[in-house]
PDB file of all heavy atoms in Angstrom:
ATOM      1  N   ASN A   1      33.643  48.317 -60.015  1.00  0.00           N
ATOM      2  CA  ASN A   1      35.022  48.788 -60.135  1.00  0.00           C
ATOM      3  C   ASN A   1      35.250  50.055 -59.304  1.00  0.00           C
ATOM      4  O   ASN A   1      34.344  50.523 -58.604  1.00  0.00           O
ATOM      5  CB  ASN A   1      35.390  49.006 -61.609  1.00  0.00           C
ATOM      6  CG  ASN A   1      34.494  50.013 -62.319  1.00  0.00           C
ATOM      7  OD1 ASN A   1      33.987  50.958 -61.704  1.00  0.00           O
ATOM      8  ND2 ASN A   1      34.309  49.831 -63.613  1.00  0.00           N
ATOM      9  N   GLY A   2      36.474  50.595 -59.390  1.00  0.00           N
ATOM     10  CA  GLY A   2      36.815  51.756 -58.580  1.00  0.00           C
ATOM     11  C   GLY A   2      35.938  52.957 -58.865  1.00  0.00           C
ATOM     12  O   GLY A   2      35.536  53.675 -57.938  1.00  0.00           O
ATOM     13  N   ALA A   3      35.624  53.189 -60.142  1.00  0.00           N
ATOM     14  CA  ALA A   3      34.745  54.304 -60.479  1.00  0.00           C
ATOM     15  C   ALA A   3      33.358  54.104 -59.898  1.00  0.00           C
ATOM     16  O   ALA A   3      32.717  55.059 -59.442  1.00  0.00           O
ATOM     17  CB  ALA A   3      34.669  54.462 -62.003  1.00  0.00           C
ATOM     18  N   GLY A   4      32.889  52.850 -59.899  1.00  0.00           N
ATOM     19  CA  GLY A   4      31.592  52.554 -59.304  1.00  0.00           C
ATOM     20  C   GLY A   4      31.572  52.848 -57.813  1.00  0.00           C
ATOM     21  O   GLY A   4      30.606  53.410 -57.283  1.00  0.00           O
ATOM     22  N   ALA A   5      32.661  52.491 -57.134  1.00  0.00           N
ATOM     23  CA  ALA A   5      32.756  52.744 -55.704  1.00  0.00           C
ATOM     24  C   ALA A   5      32.845  54.239 -55.406  1.00  0.00           C
ATOM     25  O   ALA A   5      32.191  54.753 -54.486  1.00  0.00           O
ATOM     26  CB  ALA A   5      33.969  52.025 -55.126  1.00  0.00           C
ATOM     27  N   LEU A   6      33.639  54.958 -56.187  1.00  0.00           N
ATOM     28  CA  LEU A   6      33.771  56.396 -55.969  1.00  0.00           C
ATOM     29  C   LEU A   6      32.472  57.130 -56.286  1.00  0.00           C
ATOM     30  O   LEU A   6      32.105  58.094 -55.609  1.00  0.00           O
ATOM     31  CB  LEU A   6      34.916  56.948 -56.821  1.00  0.00           C
ATOM     32  CG  LEU A   6      36.315  56.493 -56.399  1.00  0.00           C
ATOM     33  CD1 LEU A   6      37.340  56.844 -57.475  1.00  0.00           C
ATOM     34  CD2 LEU A   6      36.716  57.117 -55.071  1.00  0.00           C
ATOM     35  N   GLY A   7      31.754  56.664 -57.301  1.00  0.00           N
ATOM     36  CA  GLY A   7      30.447  57.243 -57.595  1.00  0.00           C
ATOM     37  C   GLY A   7      29.469  57.025 -56.465  1.00  0.00           C
ATOM     38  O   GLY A   7      28.652  57.903 -56.133  1.00  0.00           O
ATOM     39  N   ALA A   8      29.538  55.840 -55.837  1.00  0.00           N
ATOM     40  CA  ALA A   8      28.679  55.556 -54.687  1.00  0.00           C
ATOM     41  C   ALA A   8      29.014  56.477 -53.519  1.00  0.00           C
ATOM     42  O   ALA A   8      28.121  56.940 -52.798  1.00  0.00           O
ATOM     43  CB  ALA A   8      28.836  54.093 -54.272  1.00  0.00           C
ATOM     44  N   ILE A   9      30.309  56.749 -53.337  1.00  0.00           N
ATOM     45  CA  ILE A   9      30.726  57.669 -52.272  1.00  0.00           C
ATOM     46  C   ILE A   9      30.149  59.059 -52.518  1.00  0.00           C
ATOM     47  O   ILE A   9      29.572  59.683 -51.607  1.00  0.00           O
ATOM     48  CB  ILE A   9      32.264  57.731 -52.189  1.00  0.00           C
ATOM     49  CG1 ILE A   9      32.821  56.419 -51.646  1.00  0.00           C
ATOM     50  CG2 ILE A   9      32.709  58.908 -51.305  1.00  0.00           C
ATOM     51  CD1 ILE A   9      34.336  56.321 -51.702  1.00  0.00           C
ATOM     52  N   ILE A  10      30.303  59.559 -53.738  1.00  0.00           N
ATOM     53  CA  ILE A  10      29.778  60.882 -54.082  1.00  0.00           C
ATOM     54  C   ILE A  10      28.274  60.937 -53.816  1.00  0.00           C
ATOM     55  O   ILE A  10      27.752  61.901 -53.225  1.00  0.00           O
ATOM     56  CB  ILE A  10      30.071  61.208 -55.555  1.00  0.00           C
ATOM     57  CG1 ILE A  10      31.576  61.411 -55.778  1.00  0.00           C
ATOM     58  CG2 ILE A  10      29.300  62.451 -56.015  1.00  0.00           C
ATOM     59  CD1 ILE A  10      32.163  62.590 -55.062  1.00  0.00           C
ATOM     60  N   ALA A  11      27.558  59.895 -54.236  1.00  0.00           N
ATOM     61  CA  ALA A  11      26.101  59.867 -54.056  1.00  0.00           C
ATOM     62  C   ALA A  11      25.725  59.823 -52.586  1.00  0.00           C
ATOM     63  O   ALA A  11      24.814  60.549 -52.148  1.00  0.00           O
ATOM     64  CB  ALA A  11      25.505  58.673 -54.797  1.00  0.00           C
ATOM     65  N   ASP A  12      26.414  58.995 -51.797  1.00  0.00           N
ATOM     66  CA  ASP A  12      26.071  58.897 -50.377  1.00  0.00           C
ATOM     67  C   ASP A  12      26.537  60.104 -49.570  1.00  0.00           C
ATOM     68  O   ASP A  12      26.062  60.331 -48.459  1.00  0.00           O
ATOM     69  CB  ASP A  12      26.640  57.598 -49.783  1.00  0.00           C
ATOM     70  CG  ASP A  12      25.694  56.421 -49.955  1.00  0.00           C
ATOM     71  OD1 ASP A  12      24.471  56.655 -50.033  1.00  0.00           O
ATOM     72  OD2 ASP A  12      26.156  55.273 -50.012  1.00  0.00           O
ATOM     73  N   MET A  13      27.437  60.894 -50.133  1.00  0.00           N
ATOM     74  CA  MET A  13      27.812  62.157 -49.493  1.00  0.00           C
ATOM     75  C   MET A  13      26.820  63.264 -49.825  1.00  0.00           C
ATOM     76  O   MET A  13      26.920  64.371 -49.287  1.00  0.00           O
ATOM     77  CB  MET A  13      29.226  62.576 -49.927  1.00  0.00           C
ATOM     78  CG  MET A  13      30.344  61.705 -49.385  1.00  0.00           C
ATOM     79  SD  MET A  13      31.986  62.247 -49.938  1.00  0.00           S
ATOM     80  CE  MET A  13      32.197  63.757 -48.969  1.00  0.00           C
ATOM     81  N   GLY A  14      25.879  62.973 -50.722  1.00  0.00           N
ATOM     82  CA  GLY A  14      24.891  63.966 -51.108  1.00  0.00           C
ATOM     83  C   GLY A  14      25.433  65.031 -52.040  1.00  0.00           C
ATOM     84  O   GLY A  14      24.873  66.129 -52.129  1.00  0.00           O
ATOM     85  N   LEU A  15      26.510  64.702 -52.757  1.00  0.00           N
ATOM     86  CA  LEU A  15      27.132  65.652 -53.665  1.00  0.00           C
ATOM     87  C   LEU A  15      26.616  65.445 -55.083  1.00  0.00           C
ATOM     88  O   LEU A  15      26.150  64.368 -55.435  1.00  0.00           O
ATOM     89  CB  LEU A  15      28.653  65.476 -53.641  1.00  0.00           C
ATOM     90  CG  LEU A  15      29.316  65.696 -52.277  1.00  0.00           C
ATOM     91  CD1 LEU A  15      30.776  65.274 -52.328  1.00  0.00           C
ATOM     92  CD2 LEU A  15      29.192  67.147 -51.836  1.00  0.00           C
ATOM     93  N   ASP A  16      26.717  66.468 -55.900  1.00  0.00           N
ATOM     94  CA  ASP A  16      26.263  66.329 -57.284  1.00  0.00           C
ATOM     95  C   ASP A  16      27.366  65.732 -58.140  1.00  0.00           C
ATOM     96  O   ASP A  16      28.553  65.767 -57.787  1.00  0.00           O
ATOM     97  CB  ASP A  16      25.823  67.680 -57.844  1.00  0.00           C
ATOM     98  CG  ASP A  16      26.956  68.696 -57.885  1.00  0.00           C
ATOM     99  OD1 ASP A  16      27.700  68.713 -58.879  1.00  0.00           O
ATOM    100  OD2 ASP A  16      27.099  69.459 -56.911  1.00  0.00           O
ATOM    101  N   GLY A  17      26.958  65.185 -59.287  1.00  0.00           N
ATOM    102  CA  GLY A  17      27.892  64.501 -60.151  1.00  0.00           C
ATOM    103  C   GLY A  17      28.982  65.394 -60.711  1.00  0.00           C
ATOM    104  O   GLY A  17      30.128  64.956 -60.896  1.00  0.00           O
ATOM    105  N   ILE A  18      28.666  66.643 -61.005  1.00  0.00           N
ATOM    106  CA  ILE A  18      29.671  67.562 -61.541  1.00  0.00           C
ATOM    107  C   ILE A  18      30.788  67.786 -60.517  1.00  0.00           C
ATOM    108  O   ILE A  18      31.972  67.797 -60.863  1.00  0.00           O
ATOM    109  CB  ILE A  18      29.035  68.901 -61.951  1.00  0.00           C
ATOM    110  CG1 ILE A  18      28.105  68.695 -63.150  1.00  0.00           C
ATOM    111  CG2 ILE A  18      30.104  69.948 -62.273  1.00  0.00           C
ATOM    112  CD1 ILE A  18      27.372  69.948 -63.588  1.00  0.00           C
ATOM    113  N   PHE A  19      30.419  67.936 -59.254  1.00  0.00           N
ATOM    114  CA  PHE A  19      31.432  68.105 -58.211  1.00  0.00           C
ATOM    115  C   PHE A  19      32.295  66.846 -58.119  1.00  0.00           C
ATOM    116  O   PHE A  19      33.518  66.929 -57.957  1.00  0.00           O
ATOM    117  CB  PHE A  19      30.771  68.397 -56.862  1.00  0.00           C
ATOM    118  CG  PHE A  19      31.752  68.670 -55.757  1.00  0.00           C
ATOM    119  CD1 PHE A  19      32.393  69.892 -55.678  1.00  0.00           C
ATOM    120  CD2 PHE A  19      32.030  67.705 -54.797  1.00  0.00           C
ATOM    121  CE1 PHE A  19      33.312  70.155 -54.657  1.00  0.00           C
ATOM    122  CE2 PHE A  19      32.942  67.958 -53.771  1.00  0.00           C
ATOM    123  CZ  PHE A  19      33.584  69.184 -53.706  1.00  0.00           C
ATOM    124  N   GLY A  20      31.658  65.668 -58.248  1.00  0.00           N
ATOM    125  CA  GLY A  20      32.406  64.421 -58.211  1.00  0.00           C
ATOM    126  C   GLY A  20      33.410  64.328 -59.340  1.00  0.00           C
ATOM    127  O   GLY A  20      34.581  63.975 -59.131  1.00  0.00           O
ATOM    128  N   ARG A  21      32.959  64.669 -60.551  1.00  0.00           N
ATOM    129  CA  ARG A  21      33.894  64.652 -61.673  1.00  0.00           C
ATOM    130  C   ARG A  21      34.981  65.698 -61.470  1.00  0.00           C
ATOM    131  O   ARG A  21      36.149  65.469 -61.815  1.00  0.00           O
ATOM    132  CB  ARG A  21      33.164  64.911 -62.990  1.00  0.00           C
ATOM    133  CG  ARG A  21      34.089  64.818 -64.205  1.00  0.00           C
ATOM    134  CD  ARG A  21      33.371  65.073 -65.527  1.00  0.00           C
ATOM    135  NE  ARG A  21      32.424  64.037 -65.850  1.00  0.00           N
ATOM    136  CZ  ARG A  21      32.198  63.586 -67.087  1.00  0.00           C
ATOM    137  NH1 ARG A  21      32.880  64.086 -68.103  1.00  0.00           N
ATOM    138  NH2 ARG A  21      31.288  62.668 -67.315  1.00  0.00           N
ATOM    139  N   GLY A  22      34.609  66.843 -60.902  1.00  0.00           N
ATOM    140  CA  GLY A  22      35.592  67.885 -60.650  1.00  0.00           C
ATOM    141  C   GLY A  22      36.701  67.419 -59.722  1.00  0.00           C
ATOM    142  O   GLY A  22      37.883  67.689 -59.966  1.00  0.00           O
ATOM    143  N   LEU A  23      36.341  66.710 -58.654  1.00  0.00           N
ATOM    144  CA  LEU A  23      37.369  66.181 -57.749  1.00  0.00           C
ATOM    145  C   LEU A  23      38.296  65.219 -58.483  1.00  0.00           C
ATOM    146  O   LEU A  23      39.514  65.223 -58.272  1.00  0.00           O
ATOM    147  CB  LEU A  23      36.718  65.468 -56.565  1.00  0.00           C
ATOM    148  CG  LEU A  23      36.099  66.336 -55.474  1.00  0.00           C
ATOM    149  CD1 LEU A  23      35.492  65.454 -54.391  1.00  0.00           C
ATOM    150  CD2 LEU A  23      37.129  67.286 -54.860  1.00  0.00           C
ATOM    151  N   MET A  24      37.728  64.390 -59.354  1.00  0.00           N
ATOM    152  CA  MET A  24      38.548  63.450 -60.112  1.00  0.00           C
ATOM    153  C   MET A  24      39.517  64.193 -61.041  1.00  0.00           C
ATOM    154  O   MET A  24      40.682  63.813 -61.177  1.00  0.00           O
ATOM    155  CB  MET A  24      37.652  62.521 -60.924  1.00  0.00           C
ATOM    156  CG  MET A  24      36.751  61.623 -60.086  1.00  0.00           C
ATOM    157  SD  MET A  24      37.667  60.436 -59.077  1.00  0.00           S
ATOM    158  CE  MET A  24      38.293  59.321 -60.350  1.00  0.00           C
ATOM    159  N   LEU A  25      39.046  65.262 -61.659  1.00  0.00           N
ATOM    160  CA  LEU A  25      39.902  66.033 -62.556  1.00  0.00           C
ATOM    161  C   LEU A  25      41.027  66.731 -61.785  1.00  0.00           C
ATOM    162  O   LEU A  25      42.181  66.748 -62.238  1.00  0.00           O
ATOM    163  CB  LEU A  25      39.068  67.072 -63.307  1.00  0.00           C
ATOM    164  CG  LEU A  25      38.053  66.520 -64.316  1.00  0.00           C
ATOM    165  CD1 LEU A  25      37.184  67.652 -64.842  1.00  0.00           C
ATOM    166  CD2 LEU A  25      38.747  65.814 -65.459  1.00  0.00           C
ATOM    167  N   VAL A  26      40.683  67.287 -60.636  1.00  0.00           N
ATOM    168  CA  VAL A  26      41.701  67.956 -59.816  1.00  0.00           C
ATOM    169  C   VAL A  26      42.759  66.948 -59.373  1.00  0.00           C
ATOM    170  O   VAL A  26      43.966  67.212 -59.440  1.00  0.00           O
ATOM    171  CB  VAL A  26      41.055  68.648 -58.599  1.00  0.00           C
ATOM    172  CG1 VAL A  26      42.113  69.137 -57.629  1.00  0.00           C
ATOM    173  CG2 VAL A  26      40.186  69.818 -59.052  1.00  0.00           C
TER     174      VAL A  26
END
């Protein structure tokens, strides 16, 4: 799903999960 794809993007960008969730919250 979309969250799965966005999580893959965050991981392949080398970013941490907290930053990924932060972008989603913003």
